[in-house]
């Protein structure tokens, strides 16, 4: 079987985007199998996992997952989400206040991918975020092949058309369960609750 990656490989996982994509499939990603699968016919140089942490809520499952990842071959980067308030004004002049959280890790991913670009042949990017398009183009300009892993299936597709088109290869998570899905019900990794 010919894999769409070769040579020296690095994996970059946008944790929030990937967990959201995987939630609808009825199977869990086995992060150890991810390392094994993407190092077939290749030399795995690095694996990164990026996620934001809720500011006010302690997330036990997330802390357990991050600890597990750190002890099983991943470099983990986190940052606190920040509460954001926006006020919108409708055409009729009515004001609406929206509150939410923001914890974007795109800059972290971009910095690490650019730093490694001269030392890898293939970047495996687990994300569907269109903000990654310029990063993909920049590392491609350095001769790096970019494989994007996300999904166009399910109730909530997470791959942007722009990122899918920018990638050298797109792999849909829905098609990868036999390769990176948990074989034992995920007993060796912390479970991710459905509402996460």
C-alpha atoms as a PDB file:
ATOM      1  CA  UNK A   1       0.000   0.000   0.000  1.00  0.00           C
ATOM      2  CA  UNK A   2       1.338   3.444  -0.929  1.00  0.00           C
ATOM      3  CA  UNK A   3       0.796   6.036   1.784  1.00  0.00           C
ATOM      4  CA  UNK A   4       0.312   9.735   0.941  1.00  0.00           C
ATOM      5  CA  UNK A   5       3.265  10.610   3.192  1.00  0.00           C
ATOM      6  CA  UNK A   6       6.940   9.808   3.016  1.00  0.00           C
ATOM      7  CA  UNK A   7      10.336  10.506   4.535  1.00  0.00           C
ATOM      8  CA  UNK A   8      10.472  12.511   7.737  1.00  0.00           C
ATOM      9  CA  UNK A   9       6.989  13.156   9.118  1.00  0.00           C
ATOM     10  CA  UNK A  10       5.604  15.462  11.803  1.00  0.00           C
ATOM     11  CA  UNK A  11       2.049  15.380  13.147  1.00  0.00           C
ATOM     12  CA  UNK A  12       0.199  18.537  14.211  1.00  0.00           C
ATOM     13  CA  UNK A  13      -3.157  18.012  15.981  1.00  0.00           C
ATOM     14  CA  UNK A  14      -5.642  20.838  16.528  1.00  0.00           C
ATOM     15  CA  UNK A  15      -7.255  19.080  19.499  1.00  0.00           C
ATOM     16  CA  UNK A  16     -10.525  20.997  19.679  1.00  0.00           C
ATOM     17  CA  UNK A  17     -11.168  20.798  15.947  1.00  0.00           C
ATOM     18  CA  UNK A  18     -10.298  17.093  15.781  1.00  0.00           C
ATOM     19  CA  UNK A  19     -12.342  16.097  18.842  1.00  0.00           C
ATOM     20  CA  UNK A  20     -15.314  17.940  17.379  1.00  0.00           C
ATOM     21  CA  UNK A  21     -14.880  16.132  14.058  1.00  0.00           C
ATOM     22  CA  UNK A  22     -14.529  12.714  15.702  1.00  0.00           C
ATOM     23  CA  UNK A  23     -17.498  13.062  18.074  1.00  0.00           C
ATOM     24  CA  UNK A  24     -20.156  11.965  15.557  1.00  0.00           C
ATOM     25  CA  UNK A  25     -18.550   8.730  14.344  1.00  0.00           C
ATOM     26  CA  UNK A  26     -19.263   6.299  17.164  1.00  0.00           C
ATOM     27  CA  UNK A  27     -15.568   5.431  17.545  1.00  0.00           C
ATOM     28  CA  UNK A  28     -12.695   7.116  19.334  1.00  0.00           C
ATOM     29  CA  UNK A  29      -9.288   8.054  18.020  1.00  0.00           C
ATOM     30  CA  UNK A  30      -6.520   5.981  19.549  1.00  0.00           C
ATOM     31  CA  UNK A  31      -3.679   8.499  19.686  1.00  0.00           C
ATOM     32  CA  UNK A  32      -1.051   5.772  20.019  1.00  0.00           C
ATOM     33  CA  UNK A  33      -2.319   4.159  16.817  1.00  0.00           C
ATOM     34  CA  UNK A  34      -2.126   7.580  15.125  1.00  0.00           C
ATOM     35  CA  UNK A  35       1.632   7.577  15.781  1.00  0.00           C
ATOM     36  CA  UNK A  36       1.955   4.018  14.475  1.00  0.00           C
ATOM     37  CA  UNK A  37      -0.160   4.583  11.372  1.00  0.00           C
ATOM     38  CA  UNK A  38       1.509   7.792  10.237  1.00  0.00           C
ATOM     39  CA  UNK A  39       5.016   6.427  10.802  1.00  0.00           C
ATOM     40  CA  UNK A  40       4.475   3.539   8.363  1.00  0.00           C
ATOM     41  CA  UNK A  41       7.040   3.887   5.552  1.00  0.00           C
ATOM     42  CA  UNK A  42       8.237   7.070   7.268  1.00  0.00           C
ATOM     43  CA  UNK A  43      10.333   8.394  10.138  1.00  0.00           C
ATOM     44  CA  UNK A  44       8.212  10.185  12.736  1.00  0.00           C
ATOM     45  CA  UNK A  45      10.147  13.280  13.811  1.00  0.00           C
ATOM     46  CA  UNK A  46       7.580  14.895  16.128  1.00  0.00           C
ATOM     47  CA  UNK A  47       3.950  14.754  17.170  1.00  0.00           C
ATOM     48  CA  UNK A  48       2.230  17.808  18.639  1.00  0.00           C
ATOM     49  CA  UNK A  49      -1.185  18.166  20.261  1.00  0.00           C
ATOM     50  CA  UNK A  50      -2.629  21.656  20.812  1.00  0.00           C
ATOM     51  CA  UNK A  51      -5.703  22.609  22.800  1.00  0.00           C
ATOM     52  CA  UNK A  52      -7.193  25.427  24.850  1.00  0.00           C
ATOM     53  CA  UNK A  53      -8.232  24.925  28.430  1.00  0.00           C
ATOM     54  CA  UNK A  54     -11.533  26.233  29.776  1.00  0.00           C
ATOM     55  CA  UNK A  55     -10.907  29.310  31.926  1.00  0.00           C
ATOM     56  CA  UNK A  56     -13.381  28.686  34.732  1.00  0.00           C
ATOM     57  CA  UNK A  57     -14.205  24.998  34.454  1.00  0.00           C
ATOM     58  CA  UNK A  58     -11.863  22.213  35.488  1.00  0.00           C
ATOM     59  CA  UNK A  59     -11.934  19.548  32.807  1.00  0.00           C
ATOM     60  CA  UNK A  60     -10.900  16.267  34.376  1.00  0.00           C
ATOM     61  CA  UNK A  61     -11.137  14.235  31.172  1.00  0.00           C
ATOM     62  CA  UNK A  62      -9.043  16.794  29.254  1.00  0.00           C
ATOM     63  CA  UNK A  63      -6.354  16.903  31.936  1.00  0.00           C
ATOM     64  CA  UNK A  64      -6.161  13.090  31.926  1.00  0.00           C
ATOM     65  CA  UNK A  65      -5.962  13.018  28.110  1.00  0.00           C
ATOM     66  CA  UNK A  66      -3.210  15.643  27.994  1.00  0.00           C
ATOM     67  CA  UNK A  67      -1.215  13.798  30.648  1.00  0.00           C
ATOM     68  CA  UNK A  68      -1.620  10.551  28.709  1.00  0.00           C
ATOM     69  CA  UNK A  69      -0.512  12.222  25.442  1.00  0.00           C
ATOM     70  CA  UNK A  70       2.577  13.733  27.099  1.00  0.00           C
ATOM     71  CA  UNK A  71       3.575  10.295  28.353  1.00  0.00           C
ATOM     72  CA  UNK A  72       2.973   8.584  25.018  1.00  0.00           C
ATOM     73  CA  UNK A  73       4.998  10.482  22.439  1.00  0.00           C
ATOM     74  CA  UNK A  74       3.264  13.839  22.004  1.00  0.00           C
ATOM     75  CA  UNK A  75       4.472  17.327  22.791  1.00  0.00           C
ATOM     76  CA  UNK A  76       1.406  19.052  24.245  1.00  0.00           C
ATOM     77  CA  UNK A  77       0.732  22.793  24.110  1.00  0.00           C
ATOM     78  CA  UNK A  78      -2.142  24.405  25.945  1.00  0.00           C
ATOM     79  CA  UNK A  79      -3.386  27.882  26.710  1.00  0.00           C
ATOM     80  CA  UNK A  80      -6.276  29.228  28.737  1.00  0.00           C
ATOM     81  CA  UNK A  81      -9.455  30.167  26.913  1.00  0.00           C
ATOM     82  CA  UNK A  82     -10.459  33.758  27.394  1.00  0.00           C
ATOM     83  CA  UNK A  83     -14.003  34.975  27.935  1.00  0.00           C
ATOM     84  CA  UNK A  84     -15.079  37.322  25.153  1.00  0.00           C
ATOM     85  CA  UNK A  85     -18.074  39.626  25.006  1.00  0.00           C
ATOM     86  CA  UNK A  86     -19.320  41.132  21.747  1.00  0.00           C
ATOM     87  CA  UNK A  87     -22.138  43.593  21.270  1.00  0.00           C
ATOM     88  CA  UNK A  88     -23.979  43.463  17.957  1.00  0.00           C
ATOM     89  CA  UNK A  89     -26.439  46.050  16.719  1.00  0.00           C
ATOM     90  CA  UNK A  90     -29.222  44.965  14.371  1.00  0.00           C
ATOM     91  CA  UNK A  91     -30.527  47.093  11.499  1.00  0.00           C
ATOM     92  CA  UNK A  92     -33.389  48.184  13.756  1.00  0.00           C
ATOM     93  CA  UNK A  93     -30.902  49.458  16.346  1.00  0.00           C
ATOM     94  CA  UNK A  94     -31.507  46.643  18.831  1.00  0.00           C
ATOM     95  CA  UNK A  95     -28.356  45.637  20.728  1.00  0.00           C
ATOM     96  CA  UNK A  96     -27.523  42.016  21.437  1.00  0.00           C
ATOM     97  CA  UNK A  97     -24.700  40.942  23.753  1.00  0.00           C
ATOM     98  CA  UNK A  98     -22.983  37.662  22.940  1.00  0.00           C
ATOM     99  CA  UNK A  99     -20.652  35.942  25.367  1.00  0.00           C
ATOM    100  CA  UNK A 100     -18.356  33.056  24.605  1.00  0.00           C
ATOM    101  CA  UNK A 101     -14.867  31.679  24.961  1.00  0.00           C
ATOM    102  CA  UNK A 102     -11.926  31.920  22.617  1.00  0.00           C
ATOM    103  CA  UNK A 103      -8.808  29.796  22.736  1.00  0.00           C
ATOM    104  CA  UNK A 104      -7.319  29.664  19.274  1.00  0.00           C
ATOM    105  CA  UNK A 105      -4.106  27.615  18.895  1.00  0.00           C
ATOM    106  CA  UNK A 106      -3.450  28.445  15.214  1.00  0.00           C
ATOM    107  CA  UNK A 107      -0.364  30.564  15.880  1.00  0.00           C
ATOM    108  CA  UNK A 108       1.205  27.776  17.965  1.00  0.00           C
ATOM    109  CA  UNK A 109       0.632  25.287  15.158  1.00  0.00           C
ATOM    110  CA  UNK A 110       1.985  27.712  12.546  1.00  0.00           C
ATOM    111  CA  UNK A 111       5.155  28.463  14.502  1.00  0.00           C
ATOM    112  CA  UNK A 112       5.973  24.797  15.104  1.00  0.00           C
ATOM    113  CA  UNK A 113       5.245  23.751  11.531  1.00  0.00           C
ATOM    114  CA  UNK A 114       7.392  26.558  10.107  1.00  0.00           C
ATOM    115  CA  UNK A 115      10.234  25.735  12.534  1.00  0.00           C
ATOM    116  CA  UNK A 116      10.213  22.105  11.401  1.00  0.00           C
ATOM    117  CA  UNK A 117       9.615  22.735   7.690  1.00  0.00           C
ATOM    118  CA  UNK A 118      13.307  22.438   6.783  1.00  0.00           C
ATOM    119  CA  UNK A 119      13.615  19.137   8.673  1.00  0.00           C
ATOM    120  CA  UNK A 120      10.542  17.244   7.464  1.00  0.00           C
ATOM    121  CA  UNK A 121       9.207  15.927   4.176  1.00  0.00           C
ATOM    122  CA  UNK A 122       5.544  15.588   5.195  1.00  0.00           C
ATOM    123  CA  UNK A 123       3.343  17.466   7.652  1.00  0.00           C
ATOM    124  CA  UNK A 124       0.219  15.658   8.855  1.00  0.00           C
ATOM    125  CA  UNK A 125      -2.267  18.326   9.977  1.00  0.00           C
ATOM    126  CA  UNK A 126      -5.319  17.259  11.979  1.00  0.00           C
ATOM    127  CA  UNK A 127      -7.540  20.316  11.455  1.00  0.00           C
ATOM    128  CA  UNK A 128     -10.282  21.590   9.216  1.00  0.00           C
ATOM    129  CA  UNK A 129      -9.795  25.276   9.927  1.00  0.00           C
ATOM    130  CA  UNK A 130      -9.559  27.525   6.854  1.00  0.00           C
ATOM    131  CA  UNK A 131      -7.200  29.792   8.821  1.00  0.00           C
ATOM    132  CA  UNK A 132      -4.554  27.116   8.175  1.00  0.00           C
ATOM    133  CA  UNK A 133      -4.555  27.644   4.384  1.00  0.00           C
ATOM    134  CA  UNK A 134      -1.766  30.214   4.311  1.00  0.00           C
ATOM    135  CA  UNK A 135       0.359  28.043   6.613  1.00  0.00           C
ATOM    136  CA  UNK A 136      -0.155  25.052   4.318  1.00  0.00           C
ATOM    137  CA  UNK A 137       0.907  27.106   1.300  1.00  0.00           C
ATOM    138  CA  UNK A 138       3.985  28.442   3.128  1.00  0.00           C
ATOM    139  CA  UNK A 139       5.302  25.005   4.092  1.00  0.00           C
ATOM    140  CA  UNK A 140       4.498  23.651   0.630  1.00  0.00           C
ATOM    141  CA  UNK A 141       6.679  26.465  -0.757  1.00  0.00           C
ATOM    142  CA  UNK A 142       9.499  24.997   1.340  1.00  0.00           C
ATOM    143  CA  UNK A 143       8.985  21.608  -0.314  1.00  0.00           C
ATOM    144  CA  UNK A 144       6.905  19.976   2.428  1.00  0.00           C
ATOM    145  CA  UNK A 145       3.966  17.774   1.449  1.00  0.00           C
ATOM    146  CA  UNK A 146       0.872  18.506   3.593  1.00  0.00           C
ATOM    147  CA  UNK A 147      -1.705  15.846   4.406  1.00  0.00           C
ATOM    148  CA  UNK A 148      -4.834  17.214   6.109  1.00  0.00           C
ATOM    149  CA  UNK A 149      -6.953  14.941   8.320  1.00  0.00           C
ATOM    150  CA  UNK A 150     -10.492  16.096   9.152  1.00  0.00           C
ATOM    151  CA  UNK A 151     -13.988  15.216   7.998  1.00  0.00           C
ATOM    152  CA  UNK A 152     -16.516  16.210   5.380  1.00  0.00           C
ATOM    153  CA  UNK A 153     -19.027  13.661   6.714  1.00  0.00           C
ATOM    154  CA  UNK A 154     -21.390  13.442   9.652  1.00  0.00           C
ATOM    155  CA  UNK A 155     -23.770  15.984  11.093  1.00  0.00           C
ATOM    156  CA  UNK A 156     -21.026  18.569  11.572  1.00  0.00           C
ATOM    157  CA  UNK A 157     -18.393  18.528   8.793  1.00  0.00           C
ATOM    158  CA  UNK A 158     -15.278  20.322  10.035  1.00  0.00           C
ATOM    159  CA  UNK A 159     -13.106  20.567   6.919  1.00  0.00           C
ATOM    160  CA  UNK A 160     -13.217  23.872   5.092  1.00  0.00           C
ATOM    161  CA  UNK A 161     -13.318  23.674   1.314  1.00  0.00           C
ATOM    162  CA  UNK A 162     -10.338  26.038   1.151  1.00  0.00           C
ATOM    163  CA  UNK A 163      -8.136  23.865   3.384  1.00  0.00           C
ATOM    164  CA  UNK A 164      -9.142  20.697   1.581  1.00  0.00           C
ATOM    165  CA  UNK A 165      -8.139  22.267  -1.735  1.00  0.00           C
ATOM    166  CA  UNK A 166      -4.865  23.650  -0.349  1.00  0.00           C
ATOM    167  CA  UNK A 167      -3.702  20.287   1.004  1.00  0.00           C
ATOM    168  CA  UNK A 168      -1.630  17.895  -1.096  1.00  0.00           C
ATOM    169  CA  UNK A 169      -3.848  15.108   0.235  1.00  0.00           C
ATOM    170  CA  UNK A 170      -7.031  15.041   2.313  1.00  0.00           C
ATOM    171  CA  UNK A 171      -7.867  12.058   4.541  1.00  0.00           C
ATOM    172  CA  UNK A 172     -11.345  11.857   6.006  1.00  0.00           C
ATOM    173  CA  UNK A 173     -11.460  10.719   9.633  1.00  0.00           C
ATOM    174  CA  UNK A 174     -14.590   8.735   8.792  1.00  0.00           C
ATOM    175  CA  UNK A 175     -12.458   6.458   6.581  1.00  0.00           C
ATOM    176  CA  UNK A 176      -9.664   5.924   9.116  1.00  0.00           C
ATOM    177  CA  UNK A 177     -11.390   4.001  11.923  1.00  0.00           C
ATOM    178  CA  UNK A 178      -9.707   0.687  11.066  1.00  0.00           C
ATOM    179  CA  UNK A 179      -6.303   2.392  11.160  1.00  0.00           C
ATOM    180  CA  UNK A 180      -6.536   4.849  14.067  1.00  0.00           C
ATOM    181  CA  UNK A 181      -9.716   3.874  15.909  1.00  0.00           C
ATOM    182  CA  UNK A 182      -9.535   2.454  19.396  1.00  0.00           C
ATOM    183  CA  UNK A 183      -9.438  -1.368  19.339  1.00  0.00           C
ATOM    184  CA  UNK A 184     -10.273  -1.937  23.004  1.00  0.00           C
ATOM    185  CA  UNK A 185     -13.002   0.599  23.580  1.00  0.00           C
ATOM    186  CA  UNK A 186     -10.379   3.168  24.536  1.00  0.00           C
ATOM    187  CA  UNK A 187      -9.653   1.702  27.954  1.00  0.00           C
ATOM    188  CA  UNK A 188      -6.004   2.751  27.686  1.00  0.00           C
ATOM    189  CA  UNK A 189      -6.850   6.439  27.139  1.00  0.00           C
ATOM    190  CA  UNK A 190      -9.097   8.884  28.973  1.00  0.00           C
ATOM    191  CA  UNK A 191     -12.531   9.066  27.389  1.00  0.00           C
ATOM    192  CA  UNK A 192     -13.871  12.239  25.820  1.00  0.00           C
ATOM    193  CA  UNK A 193     -17.409  13.058  26.890  1.00  0.00           C
ATOM    194  CA  UNK A 194     -19.990  13.727  24.162  1.00  0.00           C
ATOM    195  CA  UNK A 195     -20.456  17.351  25.230  1.00  0.00           C
ATOM    196  CA  UNK A 196     -16.724  18.212  25.148  1.00  0.00           C
END
